[in-house]
Amino acid sequence: MYKKGRKMKYMIIILMLVSTSLCFGQKKEVKKTIEEKSVEMAEELKKELKLSDEQFLKVKLIYVDYLTQKEELSNKIKLLEKQKKELKSIRNSKVKEILNTEQKNKIELQKAKNRKKSKKN
């Protein structure tokens, strides 16, 4: 009898864990559009500050403009980061071309040390 109760407890715990993981697995955050975000932000201000309908529309347009520009900047930053990475890679290749084997090995060892340091921090 004792073993059956114990098995039942384990089964319940396992069932709870599985159902919990399934619930969390289903929560996919859908990216909101700029329009949706701006409406939410303006609605929040409308509630807090008791904005008139006219004020609400103006605030919403300000948020649309702001979010659009912010997204454009984010995209430019991503592109610049990619270009920066490519430039660094080209530089490294050019430097390696003029080094002898011993010097290349030394650089690789230094890179490995730097990676270890950055992982610690």
PDB file of N, CA and C in Angstrom:
ATOM      1  N   MET A   1       0.830  -1.195   0.000  1.00  0.00           N
ATOM      2  CA  MET A   1       0.000   0.000   0.000  1.00  0.00           C
ATOM      3  C   MET A   1       0.871   1.253   0.000  1.00  0.00           C
ATOM      4  N   TYR A   2       1.908   1.232   0.807  1.00  0.00           N
ATOM      5  CA  TYR A   2       2.798   2.382   0.931  1.00  0.00           C
ATOM      6  C   TYR A   2       3.471   2.689  -0.405  1.00  0.00           C
ATOM      7  N   LYS A   3       3.877   1.617  -1.125  1.00  0.00           N
ATOM      8  CA  LYS A   3       4.547   1.803  -2.407  1.00  0.00           C
ATOM      9  C   LYS A   3       3.601   2.396  -3.445  1.00  0.00           C
ATOM     10  N   LYS A   4       2.327   2.010  -3.406  1.00  0.00           N
ATOM     11  CA  LYS A   4       1.356   2.549  -4.355  1.00  0.00           C
ATOM     12  C   LYS A   4       1.179   4.046  -4.136  1.00  0.00           C
ATOM     13  N   GLY A   5       1.084   4.460  -2.887  1.00  0.00           N
ATOM     14  CA  GLY A   5       0.939   5.882  -2.568  1.00  0.00           C
ATOM     15  C   GLY A   5       2.152   6.679  -3.002  1.00  0.00           C
ATOM     16  N   ARG A   6       3.299   6.081  -2.821  1.00  0.00           N
ATOM     17  CA  ARG A   6       4.549   6.729  -3.201  1.00  0.00           C
ATOM     18  C   ARG A   6       4.637   6.871  -4.721  1.00  0.00           C
ATOM     19  N   LYS A   7       4.263   5.803  -5.427  1.00  0.00           N
ATOM     20  CA  LYS A   7       4.257   5.852  -6.886  1.00  0.00           C
ATOM     21  C   LYS A   7       3.281   6.914  -7.384  1.00  0.00           C
ATOM     22  N   MET A   8       2.143   6.994  -6.727  1.00  0.00           N
ATOM     23  CA  MET A   8       1.124   7.962  -7.112  1.00  0.00           C
ATOM     24  C   MET A   8       1.665   9.388  -6.942  1.00  0.00           C
ATOM     25  N   LYS A   9       2.387   9.623  -5.849  1.00  0.00           N
ATOM     26  CA  LYS A   9       2.966  10.951  -5.612  1.00  0.00           C
ATOM     27  C   LYS A   9       3.955  11.300  -6.722  1.00  0.00           C
ATOM     28  N   TYR A  10       4.803  10.326  -7.072  1.00  0.00           N
ATOM     29  CA  TYR A  10       5.773  10.565  -8.136  1.00  0.00           C
ATOM     30  C   TYR A  10       5.079  10.840  -9.466  1.00  0.00           C
ATOM     31  N   MET A  11       4.039  10.092  -9.736  1.00  0.00           N
ATOM     32  CA  MET A  11       3.298  10.290 -10.980  1.00  0.00           C
ATOM     33  C   MET A  11       2.672  11.681 -11.021  1.00  0.00           C
ATOM     34  N   ILE A  12       2.129  12.113  -9.907  1.00  0.00           N
ATOM     35  CA  ILE A  12       1.513  13.443  -9.842  1.00  0.00           C
ATOM     36  C   ILE A  12       2.571  14.521 -10.050  1.00  0.00           C
ATOM     37  N   ILE A  13       3.723  14.351  -9.406  1.00  0.00           N
ATOM     38  CA  ILE A  13       4.802  15.328  -9.553  1.00  0.00           C
ATOM     39  C   ILE A  13       5.269  15.392 -11.002  1.00  0.00           C
ATOM     40  N   ILE A  14       5.448  14.234 -11.618  1.00  0.00           N
ATOM     41  CA  ILE A  14       5.882  14.189 -13.016  1.00  0.00           C
ATOM     42  C   ILE A  14       4.835  14.831 -13.914  1.00  0.00           C
ATOM     43  N   LEU A  15       3.579  14.530 -13.661  1.00  0.00           N
ATOM     44  CA  LEU A  15       2.494  15.108 -14.448  1.00  0.00           C
ATOM     45  C   LEU A  15       2.481  16.626 -14.317  1.00  0.00           C
ATOM     46  N   MET A  16       2.693  17.116 -13.104  1.00  0.00           N
ATOM     47  CA  MET A  16       2.720  18.565 -12.880  1.00  0.00           C
ATOM     48  C   MET A  16       3.895  19.204 -13.616  1.00  0.00           C
ATOM     49  N   LEU A  17       5.053  18.565 -13.559  1.00  0.00           N
ATOM     50  CA  LEU A  17       6.226  19.105 -14.242  1.00  0.00           C
ATOM     51  C   LEU A  17       6.017  19.155 -15.752  1.00  0.00           C
ATOM     52  N   VAL A  18       5.468  18.090 -16.300  1.00  0.00           N
ATOM     53  CA  VAL A  18       5.224  18.038 -17.741  1.00  0.00           C
ATOM     54  C   VAL A  18       4.212  19.099 -18.151  1.00  0.00           C
ATOM     55  N   SER A  19       3.123  19.215 -17.403  1.00  0.00           N
ATOM     56  CA  SER A  19       2.102  20.201 -17.765  1.00  0.00           C
ATOM     57  C   SER A  19       2.635  21.622 -17.623  1.00  0.00           C
ATOM     58  N   THR A  20       3.457  21.863 -16.602  1.00  0.00           N
ATOM     59  CA  THR A  20       4.046  23.189 -16.425  1.00  0.00           C
ATOM     60  C   THR A  20       4.976  23.522 -17.576  1.00  0.00           C
ATOM     61  N   SER A  21       5.812  22.563 -17.963  1.00  0.00           N
ATOM     62  CA  SER A  21       6.743  22.825 -19.065  1.00  0.00           C
ATOM     63  C   SER A  21       5.992  23.041 -20.374  1.00  0.00           C
ATOM     64  N   LEU A  22       4.895  22.336 -20.568  1.00  0.00           N
ATOM     65  CA  LEU A  22       4.098  22.536 -21.773  1.00  0.00           C
ATOM     66  C   LEU A  22       3.474  23.923 -21.791  1.00  0.00           C
ATOM     67  N   CYS A  23       3.010  24.373 -20.641  1.00  0.00           N
ATOM     68  CA  CYS A  23       2.413  25.711 -20.559  1.00  0.00           C
ATOM     69  C   CYS A  23       3.436  26.781 -20.899  1.00  0.00           C
ATOM     70  N   PHE A  24       4.624  26.661 -20.335  1.00  0.00           N
ATOM     71  CA  PHE A  24       5.656  27.654 -20.605  1.00  0.00           C
ATOM     72  C   PHE A  24       6.131  27.561 -22.047  1.00  0.00           C
ATOM     73  N   GLY A  25       6.149  26.390 -22.595  1.00  0.00           N
ATOM     74  CA  GLY A  25       6.586  26.198 -23.967  1.00  0.00           C
ATOM     75  C   GLY A  25       5.644  26.831 -24.972  1.00  0.00           C
ATOM     76  N   GLN A  26       4.382  26.968 -24.623  1.00  0.00           N
ATOM     77  CA  GLN A  26       3.401  27.523 -25.534  1.00  0.00           C
ATOM     78  C   GLN A  26       3.377  29.045 -25.532  1.00  0.00           C
ATOM     79  N   LYS A  27       3.987  29.661 -24.552  1.00  0.00           N
ATOM     80  CA  LYS A  27       3.967  31.120 -24.470  1.00  0.00           C
ATOM     81  C   LYS A  27       4.979  31.712 -25.434  1.00  0.00           C
ATOM     82  N   LYS A  28       4.550  31.919 -26.651  1.00  0.00           N
ATOM     83  CA  LYS A  28       5.404  32.587 -27.622  1.00  0.00           C
ATOM     84  C   LYS A  28       4.944  34.033 -27.694  1.00  0.00           C
ATOM     85  N   GLU A  29       5.898  34.907 -27.463  1.00  0.00           N
ATOM     86  CA  GLU A  29       5.553  36.312 -27.472  1.00  0.00           C
ATOM     87  C   GLU A  29       5.492  36.797 -28.915  1.00  0.00           C
ATOM     88  N   VAL A  30       4.331  37.255 -29.310  1.00  0.00           N
ATOM     89  CA  VAL A  30       4.145  37.764 -30.649  1.00  0.00           C
ATOM     90  C   VAL A  30       4.619  39.215 -30.662  1.00  0.00           C
ATOM     91  N   LYS A  31       5.461  39.527 -31.620  1.00  0.00           N
ATOM     92  CA  LYS A  31       5.987  40.887 -31.710  1.00  0.00           C
ATOM     93  C   LYS A  31       4.869  41.822 -32.157  1.00  0.00           C
ATOM     94  N   LYS A  32       4.677  42.860 -31.378  1.00  0.00           N
ATOM     95  CA  LYS A  32       3.626  43.827 -31.684  1.00  0.00           C
ATOM     96  C   LYS A  32       4.119  44.802 -32.743  1.00  0.00           C
ATOM     97  N   THR A  33       3.169  45.306 -33.510  1.00  0.00           N
ATOM     98  CA  THR A  33       3.511  46.302 -34.519  1.00  0.00           C
ATOM     99  C   THR A  33       3.740  47.647 -33.838  1.00  0.00           C
ATOM    100  N   ILE A  34       4.335  48.555 -34.575  1.00  0.00           N
ATOM    101  CA  ILE A  34       4.562  49.902 -34.053  1.00  0.00           C
ATOM    102  C   ILE A  34       3.227  50.543 -33.694  1.00  0.00           C
ATOM    103  N   GLU A  35       2.244  50.321 -34.527  1.00  0.00           N
ATOM    104  CA  GLU A  35       0.907  50.883 -34.273  1.00  0.00           C
ATOM    105  C   GLU A  35       0.343  50.355 -32.955  1.00  0.00           C
ATOM    106  N   GLU A  36       0.452  49.048 -32.745  1.00  0.00           N
ATOM    107  CA  GLU A  36      -0.067  48.447 -31.508  1.00  0.00           C
ATOM    108  C   GLU A  36       0.669  48.970 -30.278  1.00  0.00           C
ATOM    109  N   LYS A  37       1.986  49.065 -30.390  1.00  0.00           N
ATOM    110  CA  LYS A  37       2.772  49.571 -29.264  1.00  0.00           C
ATOM    111  C   LYS A  37       2.408  51.015 -28.949  1.00  0.00           C
ATOM    112  N   SER A  38       2.280  51.826 -30.001  1.00  0.00           N
ATOM    113  CA  SER A  38       1.981  53.242 -29.781  1.00  0.00           C
ATOM    114  C   SER A  38       0.604  53.424 -29.152  1.00  0.00           C
ATOM    115  N   VAL A  39      -0.357  52.606 -29.554  1.00  0.00           N
ATOM    116  CA  VAL A  39      -1.694  52.682 -28.953  1.00  0.00           C
ATOM    117  C   VAL A  39      -1.618  52.314 -27.473  1.00  0.00           C
ATOM    118  N   GLU A  40      -0.890  51.242 -27.159  1.00  0.00           N
ATOM    119  CA  GLU A  40      -0.749  50.829 -25.754  1.00  0.00           C
ATOM    120  C   GLU A  40      -0.113  51.923 -24.910  1.00  0.00           C
ATOM    121  N   MET A  41       0.958  52.508 -25.431  1.00  0.00           N
ATOM    122  CA  MET A  41       1.661  53.546 -24.684  1.00  0.00           C
ATOM    123  C   MET A  41       0.778  54.781 -24.498  1.00  0.00           C
ATOM    124  N   ALA A  42       0.075  55.158 -25.557  1.00  0.00           N
ATOM    125  CA  ALA A  42      -0.810  56.318 -25.478  1.00  0.00           C
ATOM    126  C   ALA A  42      -1.990  56.041 -24.544  1.00  0.00           C
ATOM    127  N   GLU A  43      -2.511  54.817 -24.578  1.00  0.00           N
ATOM    128  CA  GLU A  43      -3.613  54.436 -23.677  1.00  0.00           C
ATOM    129  C   GLU A  43      -3.186  54.571 -22.222  1.00  0.00           C
ATOM    130  N   GLU A  44      -1.963  54.153 -21.945  1.00  0.00           N
ATOM    131  CA  GLU A  44      -1.454  54.237 -20.582  1.00  0.00           C
ATOM    132  C   GLU A  44      -1.385  55.698 -20.124  1.00  0.00           C
ATOM    133  N   LEU A  45      -0.888  56.556 -21.006  1.00  0.00           N
ATOM    134  CA  LEU A  45      -0.835  57.982 -20.670  1.00  0.00           C
ATOM    135  C   LEU A  45      -2.231  58.570 -20.532  1.00  0.00           C
ATOM    136  N   LYS A  46      -3.129  58.129 -21.400  1.00  0.00           N
ATOM    137  CA  LYS A  46      -4.508  58.631 -21.344  1.00  0.00           C
ATOM    138  C   LYS A  46      -5.120  58.316 -19.990  1.00  0.00           C
ATOM    139  N   LYS A  47      -4.863  57.094 -19.517  1.00  0.00           N
ATOM    140  CA  LYS A  47      -5.381  56.677 -18.212  1.00  0.00           C
ATOM    141  C   LYS A  47      -4.766  57.501 -17.085  1.00  0.00           C
ATOM    142  N   GLU A  48      -3.446  57.609 -17.102  1.00  0.00           N
ATOM    143  CA  GLU A  48      -2.731  58.289 -16.020  1.00  0.00           C
ATOM    144  C   GLU A  48      -3.010  59.784 -15.985  1.00  0.00           C
ATOM    145  N   LEU A  49      -3.056  60.403 -17.173  1.00  0.00           N
ATOM    146  CA  LEU A  49      -3.154  61.861 -17.241  1.00  0.00           C
ATOM    147  C   LEU A  49      -4.532  62.362 -17.649  1.00  0.00           C
ATOM    148  N   LYS A  50      -5.441  61.427 -17.894  1.00  0.00           N
ATOM    149  CA  LYS A  50      -6.798  61.777 -18.330  1.00  0.00           C
ATOM    150  C   LYS A  50      -6.756  62.669 -19.578  1.00  0.00           C
ATOM    151  N   LEU A  51      -6.096  62.158 -20.601  1.00  0.00           N
ATOM    152  CA  LEU A  51      -5.970  62.899 -21.854  1.00  0.00           C
ATOM    153  C   LEU A  51      -7.309  62.970 -22.575  1.00  0.00           C
ATOM    154  N   SER A  52      -7.519  64.066 -23.286  1.00  0.00           N
ATOM    155  CA  SER A  52      -8.705  64.167 -24.139  1.00  0.00           C
ATOM    156  C   SER A  52      -8.460  63.294 -25.369  1.00  0.00           C
ATOM    157  N   ASP A  53      -9.502  63.081 -26.167  1.00  0.00           N
ATOM    158  CA  ASP A  53      -9.350  62.273 -27.381  1.00  0.00           C
ATOM    159  C   ASP A  53      -8.356  62.913 -28.345  1.00  0.00           C
ATOM    160  N   GLU A  54      -8.401  64.232 -28.435  1.00  0.00           N
ATOM    161  CA  GLU A  54      -7.484  64.952 -29.316  1.00  0.00           C
ATOM    162  C   GLU A  54      -6.036  64.781 -28.836  1.00  0.00           C
ATOM    163  N   GLN A  55      -5.825  64.915 -27.542  1.00  0.00           N
ATOM    164  CA  GLN A  55      -4.490  64.729 -26.973  1.00  0.00           C
ATOM    165  C   GLN A  55      -4.010  63.296 -27.196  1.00  0.00           C
ATOM    166  N   PHE A  56      -4.919  62.355 -27.007  1.00  0.00           N
ATOM    167  CA  PHE A  56      -4.580  60.944 -27.202  1.00  0.00           C
ATOM    168  C   PHE A  56      -4.067  60.701 -28.617  1.00  0.00           C
ATOM    169  N   LEU A  57      -4.785  61.230 -29.618  1.00  0.00           N
ATOM    170  CA  LEU A  57      -4.379  61.032 -31.013  1.00  0.00           C
ATOM    171  C   LEU A  57      -3.014  61.655 -31.290  1.00  0.00           C
ATOM    172  N   LYS A  58      -2.779  62.845 -30.744  1.00  0.00           N
ATOM    173  CA  LYS A  58      -1.486  63.505 -30.945  1.00  0.00           C
ATOM    174  C   LYS A  58      -0.361  62.719 -30.277  1.00  0.00           C
ATOM    175  N   VAL A  59      -0.623  62.253 -29.066  1.00  0.00           N
ATOM    176  CA  VAL A  59       0.380  61.464 -28.344  1.00  0.00           C
ATOM    177  C   VAL A  59       0.666  60.171 -29.095  1.00  0.00           C
ATOM    178  N   LYS A  60      -0.374  59.539 -29.601  1.00  0.00           N
ATOM    179  CA  LYS A  60      -0.201  58.291 -30.349  1.00  0.00           C
ATOM    180  C   LYS A  60       0.679  58.519 -31.575  1.00  0.00           C
ATOM    181  N   LEU A  61       0.448  59.611 -32.294  1.00  0.00           N
ATOM    182  CA  LEU A  61       1.266  59.928 -33.470  1.00  0.00           C
ATOM    183  C   LEU A  61       2.720  60.183 -33.088  1.00  0.00           C
ATOM    184  N   ILE A  62       2.920  60.827 -31.953  1.00  0.00           N
ATOM    185  CA  ILE A  62       4.283  61.060 -31.461  1.00  0.00           C
ATOM    186  C   ILE A  62       4.964  59.725 -31.191  1.00  0.00           C
ATOM    187  N   TYR A  63       4.227  58.796 -30.564  1.00  0.00           N
ATOM    188  CA  TYR A  63       4.792  57.479 -30.273  1.00  0.00           C
ATOM    189  C   TYR A  63       5.060  56.684 -31.548  1.00  0.00           C
ATOM    190  N   VAL A  64       4.189  56.796 -32.534  1.00  0.00           N
ATOM    191  CA  VAL A  64       4.417  56.104 -33.810  1.00  0.00           C
ATOM    192  C   VAL A  64       5.713  56.612 -34.435  1.00  0.00           C
ATOM    193  N   ASP A  65       5.875  57.928 -34.456  1.00  0.00           N
ATOM    194  CA  ASP A  65       7.084  58.530 -35.013  1.00  0.00           C
ATOM    195  C   ASP A  65       8.317  58.085 -34.236  1.00  0.00           C
ATOM    196  N   TYR A  66       8.226  58.147 -32.918  1.00  0.00           N
ATOM    197  CA  TYR A  66       9.341  57.755 -32.052  1.00  0.00           C
ATOM    198  C   TYR A  66       9.728  56.294 -32.277  1.00  0.00           C
ATOM    199  N   LEU A  67       8.748  55.402 -32.244  1.00  0.00           N
ATOM    200  CA  LEU A  67       9.028  53.971 -32.385  1.00  0.00           C
ATOM    201  C   LEU A  67       9.567  53.626 -33.772  1.00  0.00           C
ATOM    202  N   THR A  68       9.079  54.332 -34.793  1.00  0.00           N
ATOM    203  CA  THR A  68       9.571  54.112 -36.153  1.00  0.00           C
ATOM    204  C   THR A  68      11.045  54.494 -36.248  1.00  0.00           C
ATOM    205  N   GLN A  69      11.377  55.674 -35.732  1.00  0.00           N
ATOM    206  CA  GLN A  69      12.772  56.126 -35.763  1.00  0.00           C
ATOM    207  C   GLN A  69      13.668  55.222 -34.925  1.00  0.00           C
ATOM    208  N   LYS A  70      13.156  54.792 -33.781  1.00  0.00           N
ATOM    209  CA  LYS A  70      13.931  53.913 -32.899  1.00  0.00           C
ATOM    210  C   LYS A  70      14.233  52.588 -33.595  1.00  0.00           C
ATOM    211  N   GLU A  71      13.234  52.035 -34.280  1.00  0.00           N
ATOM    212  CA  GLU A  71      13.430  50.771 -34.999  1.00  0.00           C
ATOM    213  C   GLU A  71      14.445  50.935 -36.128  1.00  0.00           C
ATOM    214  N   GLU A  72      14.364  52.059 -36.842  1.00  0.00           N
ATOM    215  CA  GLU A  72      15.326  52.322 -37.912  1.00  0.00           C
ATOM    216  C   GLU A  72      16.745  52.401 -37.358  1.00  0.00           C
ATOM    217  N   LEU A  73      16.902  53.081 -36.223  1.00  0.00           N
ATOM    218  CA  LEU A  73      18.218  53.174 -35.587  1.00  0.00           C
ATOM    219  C   LEU A  73      18.725  51.803 -35.155  1.00  0.00           C
ATOM    220  N   SER A  74      17.842  51.000 -34.598  1.00  0.00           N
ATOM    221  CA  SER A  74      18.231  49.649 -34.177  1.00  0.00           C
ATOM    222  C   SER A  74      18.712  48.828 -35.364  1.00  0.00           C
ATOM    223  N   ASN A  75      18.016  48.948 -36.479  1.00  0.00           N
ATOM    224  CA  ASN A  75      18.422  48.225 -37.688  1.00  0.00           C
ATOM    225  C   ASN A  75      19.777  48.713 -38.196  1.00  0.00           C
ATOM    226  N   LYS A  76      19.996  50.030 -38.142  1.00  0.00           N
ATOM    227  CA  LYS A  76      21.288  50.583 -38.567  1.00  0.00           C
ATOM    228  C   LYS A  76      22.407  50.100 -37.651  1.00  0.00           C
ATOM    229  N   ILE A  77      22.119  50.059 -36.355  1.00  0.00           N
ATOM    230  CA  ILE A  77      23.122  49.594 -35.390  1.00  0.00           C
ATOM    231  C   ILE A  77      23.499  48.148 -35.675  1.00  0.00           C
ATOM    232  N   LYS A  78      22.493  47.305 -35.940  1.00  0.00           N
ATOM    233  CA  LYS A  78      22.769  45.900 -36.258  1.00  0.00           C
ATOM    234  C   LYS A  78      23.650  45.786 -37.500  1.00  0.00           C
ATOM    235  N   LEU A  79      23.341  46.585 -38.506  1.00  0.00           N
ATOM    236  CA  LEU A  79      24.122  46.565 -39.738  1.00  0.00           C
ATOM    237  C   LEU A  79      25.552  47.033 -39.475  1.00  0.00           C
ATOM    238  N   LEU A  80      25.701  48.102 -38.700  1.00  0.00           N
ATOM    239  CA  LEU A  80      27.037  48.611 -38.378  1.00  0.00           C
ATOM    240  C   LEU A  80      27.842  47.602 -37.568  1.00  0.00           C
ATOM    241  N   GLU A  81      27.191  46.915 -36.635  1.00  0.00           N
ATOM    242  CA  GLU A  81      27.881  45.883 -35.849  1.00  0.00           C
ATOM    243  C   GLU A  81      28.371  44.756 -36.756  1.00  0.00           C
ATOM    244  N   LYS A  82      27.544  44.397 -37.723  1.00  0.00           N
ATOM    245  CA  LYS A  82      27.933  43.347 -38.673  1.00  0.00           C
ATOM    246  C   LYS A  82      29.128  43.811 -39.504  1.00  0.00           C
ATOM    247  N   GLN A  83      29.074  45.056 -39.981  1.00  0.00           N
ATOM    248  CA  GLN A  83      30.178  45.602 -40.770  1.00  0.00           C
ATOM    249  C   GLN A  83      31.456  45.691 -39.934  1.00  0.00           C
ATOM    250  N   LYS A  84      31.303  46.059 -38.683  1.00  0.00           N
ATOM    251  CA  LYS A  84      32.450  46.156 -37.774  1.00  0.00           C
ATOM    252  C   LYS A  84      33.104  44.784 -37.595  1.00  0.00           C
ATOM    253  N   LYS A  85      32.273  43.761 -37.446  1.00  0.00           N
ATOM    254  CA  LYS A  85      32.774  42.394 -37.285  1.00  0.00           C
ATOM    255  C   LYS A  85      33.516  41.938 -38.547  1.00  0.00           C
ATOM    256  N   GLU A  86      32.946  42.249 -39.709  1.00  0.00           N
ATOM    257  CA  GLU A  86      33.585  41.884 -40.976  1.00  0.00           C
ATOM    258  C   GLU A  86      34.924  42.606 -41.139  1.00  0.00           C
ATOM    259  N   LEU A  87      34.956  43.884 -40.774  1.00  0.00           N
ATOM    260  CA  LEU A  87      36.181  44.675 -40.872  1.00  0.00           C
ATOM    261  C   LEU A  87      37.273  44.100 -39.974  1.00  0.00           C
ATOM    262  N   LYS A  88      36.889  43.704 -38.782  1.00  0.00           N
ATOM    263  CA  LYS A  88      37.835  43.099 -37.840  1.00  0.00           C
ATOM    264  C   LYS A  88      38.389  41.789 -38.411  1.00  0.00           C
ATOM    265  N   SER A  89      37.525  41.013 -39.029  1.00  0.00           N
ATOM    266  CA  SER A  89      37.939  39.747 -39.625  1.00  0.00           C
ATOM    267  C   SER A  89      38.938  39.979 -40.766  1.00  0.00           C
ATOM    268  N   ILE A  90      38.670  40.979 -41.586  1.00  0.00           N
ATOM    269  CA  ILE A  90      39.579  41.314 -42.688  1.00  0.00           C
ATOM    270  C   ILE A  90      40.930  41.751 -42.134  1.00  0.00           C
ATOM    271  N   ARG A  91      40.897  42.597 -41.103  1.00  0.00           N
ATOM    272  CA  ARG A  91      42.142  43.046 -40.470  1.00  0.00           C
ATOM    273  C   ARG A  91      42.951  41.863 -39.959  1.00  0.00           C
ATOM    274  N   ASN A  92      42.269  40.951 -39.256  1.00  0.00           N
ATOM    275  CA  ASN A  92      42.954  39.778 -38.708  1.00  0.00           C
ATOM    276  C   ASN A  92      43.568  38.913 -39.803  1.00  0.00           C
ATOM    277  N   SER A  93      42.857  38.752 -40.897  1.00  0.00           N
ATOM    278  CA  SER A  93      43.375  37.954 -42.020  1.00  0.00           C
ATOM    279  C   SER A  93      44.619  38.594 -42.614  1.00  0.00           C
ATOM    280  N   LYS A  94      44.575  39.911 -42.776  1.00  0.00           N
ATOM    281  CA  LYS A  94      45.724  40.622 -43.350  1.00  0.00           C
ATOM    282  C   LYS A  94      46.940  40.530 -42.434  1.00  0.00           C
ATOM    283  N   VAL A  95      46.718  40.643 -41.136  1.00  0.00           N
ATOM    284  CA  VAL A  95      47.826  40.544 -40.182  1.00  0.00           C
ATOM    285  C   VAL A  95      48.415  39.138 -40.225  1.00  0.00           C
ATOM    286  N   LYS A  96      47.561  38.121 -40.257  1.00  0.00           N
ATOM    287  CA  LYS A  96      48.040  36.733 -40.276  1.00  0.00           C
ATOM    288  C   LYS A  96      48.871  36.428 -41.520  1.00  0.00           C
ATOM    289  N   GLU A  97      48.553  37.102 -42.629  1.00  0.00           N
ATOM    290  CA  GLU A  97      49.293  36.869 -43.877  1.00  0.00           C
ATOM    291  C   GLU A  97      50.772  37.221 -43.741  1.00  0.00           C
ATOM    292  N   ILE A  98      51.091  38.192 -42.900  1.00  0.00           N
ATOM    293  CA  ILE A  98      52.487  38.636 -42.807  1.00  0.00           C
ATOM    294  C   ILE A  98      53.244  38.005 -41.637  1.00  0.00           C
ATOM    295  N   LEU A  99      52.554  37.205 -40.826  1.00  0.00           N
ATOM    296  CA  LEU A  99      53.200  36.579 -39.670  1.00  0.00           C
ATOM    297  C   LEU A  99      53.743  35.202 -40.022  1.00  0.00           C
ATOM    298  N   ASN A 100      54.800  34.809 -39.296  1.00  0.00           N
ATOM    299  CA  ASN A 100      55.299  33.445 -39.467  1.00  0.00           C
ATOM    300  C   ASN A 100      54.503  32.515 -38.545  1.00  0.00           C
ATOM    301  N   THR A 101      54.752  31.224 -38.631  1.00  0.00           N
ATOM    302  CA  THR A 101      53.986  30.226 -37.875  1.00  0.00           C
ATOM    303  C   THR A 101      54.070  30.457 -36.374  1.00  0.00           C
ATOM    304  N   GLU A 102      55.259  30.741 -35.881  1.00  0.00           N
ATOM    305  CA  GLU A 102      55.442  30.954 -34.439  1.00  0.00           C
ATOM    306  C   GLU A 102      54.628  32.168 -33.960  1.00  0.00           C
ATOM    307  N   GLN A 103      54.638  33.225 -34.737  1.00  0.00           N
ATOM    308  CA  GLN A 103      53.890  34.429 -34.377  1.00  0.00           C
ATOM    309  C   GLN A 103      52.380  34.168 -34.404  1.00  0.00           C
ATOM    310  N   LYS A 104      51.941  33.413 -35.399  1.00  0.00           N
ATOM    311  CA  LYS A 104      50.515  33.065 -35.482  1.00  0.00           C
ATOM    312  C   LYS A 104      50.092  32.255 -34.261  1.00  0.00           C
ATOM    313  N   ASN A 105      50.933  31.295 -33.862  1.00  0.00           N
ATOM    314  CA  ASN A 105      50.626  30.480 -32.681  1.00  0.00           C
ATOM    315  C   ASN A 105      50.539  31.342 -31.426  1.00  0.00           C
ATOM    316  N   LYS A 106      51.454  32.312 -31.325  1.00  0.00           N
ATOM    317  CA  LYS A 106      51.458  33.211 -30.176  1.00  0.00           C
ATOM    318  C   LYS A 106      50.153  34.013 -30.102  1.00  0.00           C
ATOM    319  N   ILE A 107      49.708  34.490 -31.250  1.00  0.00           N
ATOM    320  CA  ILE A 107      48.451  35.252 -31.300  1.00  0.00           C
ATOM    321  C   ILE A 107      47.281  34.372 -30.881  1.00  0.00           C
ATOM    322  N   GLU A 108      47.249  33.144 -31.364  1.00  0.00           N
ATOM    323  CA  GLU A 108      46.158  32.227 -31.014  1.00  0.00           C
ATOM    324  C   GLU A 108      46.140  31.948 -29.515  1.00  0.00           C
ATOM    325  N   LEU A 109      47.316  31.777 -28.916  1.00  0.00           N
ATOM    326  CA  LEU A 109      47.397  31.567 -27.464  1.00  0.00           C
ATOM    327  C   LEU A 109      46.874  32.785 -26.714  1.00  0.00           C
ATOM    328  N   GLN A 110      47.230  33.967 -27.184  1.00  0.00           N
ATOM    329  CA  GLN A 110      46.770  35.199 -26.544  1.00  0.00           C
ATOM    330  C   GLN A 110      45.250  35.324 -26.650  1.00  0.00           C
ATOM    331  N   LYS A 111      44.702  34.977 -27.802  1.00  0.00           N
ATOM    332  CA  LYS A 111      43.246  35.017 -27.991  1.00  0.00           C
ATOM    333  C   LYS A 111      42.556  34.064 -27.018  1.00  0.00           C
ATOM    334  N   ALA A 112      43.123  32.878 -26.857  1.00  0.00           N
ATOM    335  CA  ALA A 112      42.549  31.888 -25.939  1.00  0.00           C
ATOM    336  C   ALA A 112      42.562  32.424 -24.509  1.00  0.00           C
ATOM    337  N   LYS A 113      43.667  33.056 -24.110  1.00  0.00           N
ATOM    338  CA  LYS A 113      43.751  33.644 -22.767  1.00  0.00           C
ATOM    339  C   LYS A 113      42.701  34.732 -22.588  1.00  0.00           C
ATOM    340  N   ASN A 114      42.544  35.570 -23.590  1.00  0.00           N
ATOM    341  CA  ASN A 114      41.558  36.654 -23.521  1.00  0.00           C
ATOM    342  C   ASN A 114      40.133  36.115 -23.407  1.00  0.00           C
ATOM    343  N   ARG A 115      39.852  35.019 -24.125  1.00  0.00           N
ATOM    344  CA  ARG A 115      38.519  34.409 -24.039  1.00  0.00           C
ATOM    345  C   ARG A 115      38.251  33.878 -22.642  1.00  0.00           C
ATOM    346  N   LYS A 116      39.273  33.253 -22.040  1.00  0.00           N
ATOM    347  CA  LYS A 116      39.129  32.736 -20.674  1.00  0.00           C
ATOM    348  C   LYS A 116      38.878  33.873 -19.695  1.00  0.00           C
ATOM    349  N   LYS A 117      39.607  34.982 -19.863  1.00  0.00           N
ATOM    350  CA  LYS A 117      39.431  36.143 -18.989  1.00  0.00           C
ATOM    351  C   LYS A 117      38.022  36.706 -19.113  1.00  0.00           C
ATOM    352  N   SER A 118      37.539  36.822 -20.343  1.00  0.00           N
ATOM    353  CA  SER A 118      36.210  37.396 -20.548  1.00  0.00           C
ATOM    354  C   SER A 118      35.115  36.474 -20.016  1.00  0.00           C
ATOM    355  N   LYS A 119      35.338  35.169 -20.038  1.00  0.00           N
ATOM    356  CA  LYS A 119      34.362  34.228 -19.472  1.00  0.00           C
ATOM    357  C   LYS A 119      34.304  34.347 -17.961  1.00  0.00           C
ATOM    358  N   LYS A 120      35.442  34.624 -17.332  1.00  0.00           N
ATOM    359  CA  LYS A 120      35.481  34.774 -15.880  1.00  0.00           C
ATOM    360  C   LYS A 120      34.739  36.026 -15.439  1.00  0.00           C
ATOM    361  N   ASN A 121      34.836  37.073 -16.237  1.00  0.00           N
ATOM    362  CA  ASN A 121      34.188  38.341 -15.894  1.00  0.00           C
ATOM    363  C   ASN A 121      32.758  38.269 -16.294  1.00  0.00           C
TER     364      ASN A 121
END
